[in-house]
C-alpha atoms as a PDB file:
ATOM      1  CA  MET A   1      -4.028  -1.738  58.413  1.00  0.00           C
ATOM      2  CA  ALA A   2      -7.350  -0.888  59.574  1.00  0.00           C
ATOM      3  CA  GLY A   3      -8.066  -1.094  55.788  1.00  0.00           C
ATOM      4  CA  ARG A   4      -6.943  -4.415  55.392  1.00  0.00           C
ATOM      5  CA  ALA A   5      -8.688  -5.820  58.030  1.00  0.00           C
ATOM      6  CA  LYS A   6     -11.986  -4.357  57.165  1.00  0.00           C
ATOM      7  CA  LEU A   7     -11.082  -5.794  53.059  1.00  0.00           C
ATOM      8  CA  ARG A   8     -10.768  -9.093  55.033  1.00  0.00           C
ATOM      9  CA  GLU A   9     -13.747  -8.995  56.487  1.00  0.00           C
ATOM     10  CA  VAL A  10     -16.078  -7.873  53.624  1.00  0.00           C
ATOM     11  CA  PHE A  11     -14.450 -10.553  51.500  1.00  0.00           C
ATOM     12  CA  ALA A  12     -15.259 -13.347  54.315  1.00  0.00           C
ATOM     13  CA  GLY A  13     -18.573 -12.090  54.952  1.00  0.00           C
ATOM     14  CA  LEU A  14     -19.070 -12.438  50.594  1.00  0.00           C
ATOM     15  CA  ILE A  15     -17.427 -15.533  50.345  1.00  0.00           C
ATOM     16  CA  ARG A  16     -20.349 -16.835  53.054  1.00  0.00           C
ATOM     17  CA  LYS A  17     -23.111 -15.526  51.595  1.00  0.00           C
ATOM     18  CA  ALA A  18     -21.899 -17.254  48.235  1.00  0.00           C
ATOM     19  CA  PHE A  19     -21.516 -20.752  50.252  1.00  0.00           C
ATOM     20  CA  ARG A  20     -25.087 -19.931  51.360  1.00  0.00           C
ATOM     21  CA  ALA A  21     -26.157 -19.086  48.502  1.00  0.00           C
ATOM     22  CA  GLY A  22     -24.699 -21.885  46.348  1.00  0.00           C
ATOM     23  CA  ARG A  23     -25.866 -24.532  49.122  1.00  0.00           C
ATOM     24  CA  PHE A  24     -29.512 -23.279  48.512  1.00  0.00           C
ATOM     25  CA  LEU A  25     -28.917 -22.987  44.813  1.00  0.00           C
ATOM     26  CA  THR A  26     -27.878 -26.517  43.874  1.00  0.00           C
ATOM     27  CA  LEU A  27     -30.671 -28.480  44.831  1.00  0.00           C
ATOM     28  CA  PRO A  28     -33.106 -26.541  42.074  1.00  0.00           C
ATOM     29  CA  VAL A  29     -30.490 -26.516  39.495  1.00  0.00           C
ATOM     30  CA  LEU A  30     -29.844 -30.115  39.709  1.00  0.00           C
ATOM     31  CA  ALA A  31     -33.846 -31.114  39.628  1.00  0.00           C
ATOM     32  CA  ASN A  32     -34.002 -28.281  36.659  1.00  0.00           C
ATOM     33  CA  ALA A  33     -31.401 -30.105  34.595  1.00  0.00           C
ATOM     34  CA  GLY A  34     -32.940 -33.481  35.601  1.00  0.00           C
ATOM     35  CA  GLU A  35     -36.101 -31.855  34.286  1.00  0.00           C
ATOM     36  CA  MET A  36     -34.709 -30.883  31.151  1.00  0.00           C
ATOM     37  CA  VAL A  37     -32.868 -34.504  30.193  1.00  0.00           C
ATOM     38  CA  TYR A  38     -36.688 -35.934  30.940  1.00  0.00           C
ATOM     39  CA  PHE A  39     -38.533 -33.984  29.103  1.00  0.00           C
ATOM     40  CA  PHE A  40     -35.457 -34.237  25.989  1.00  0.00           C
ATOM     41  CA  PHE A  41     -35.948 -37.915  26.384  1.00  0.00           C
ATOM     42  CA  ASP A  42     -39.685 -37.866  26.439  1.00  0.00           C
ATOM     43  CA  HIS A  43     -39.529 -35.785  23.253  1.00  0.00           C
ATOM     44  CA  PHE A  44     -37.125 -38.250  21.619  1.00  0.00           C
ATOM     45  CA  ILE A  45     -39.438 -41.120  22.180  1.00  0.00           C
ATOM     46  CA  TRP A  46     -42.276 -39.518  21.345  1.00  0.00           C
ATOM     47  CA  LEU A  47     -40.639 -38.638  17.886  1.00  0.00           C
ATOM     48  CA  PHE A  48     -39.490 -42.438  16.926  1.00  0.00           C
ATOM     49  CA  ALA A  49     -42.858 -43.641  18.541  1.00  0.00           C
ATOM     50  CA  SER A  50     -45.295 -41.506  16.069  1.00  0.00           C
ATOM     51  CA  SER A  51     -42.830 -41.928  13.072  1.00  0.00           C
ATOM     52  CA  ILE A  52     -42.256 -37.988  12.388  1.00  0.00           C
ATOM     53  CA  SER A  53     -38.372 -39.245  12.796  1.00  0.00           C
ATOM     54  CA  PRO A  54     -37.012 -42.375  10.985  1.00  0.00           C
ATOM     55  CA  SER A  55     -36.478 -45.533  13.053  1.00  0.00           C
ATOM     56  CA  PRO A  56     -32.731 -46.581  13.657  1.00  0.00           C
ATOM     57  CA  SER A  57     -33.629 -49.987  12.676  1.00  0.00           C
ATOM     58  CA  GLY A  58     -34.324 -48.400   9.003  1.00  0.00           C
END
């Protein structure tokens, strides 16, 4: 019985740590994803502007 209670306590502690870590990691992950999208489109536009890649209009 005491072993089960200890397991539950450890599990609850892990869940709390994961929740706290997830809450603080969500913003940087979203910010990095947004930055990657920005750089992708920035490079894509640069390729078309510099005529390295063929224009979509032919």
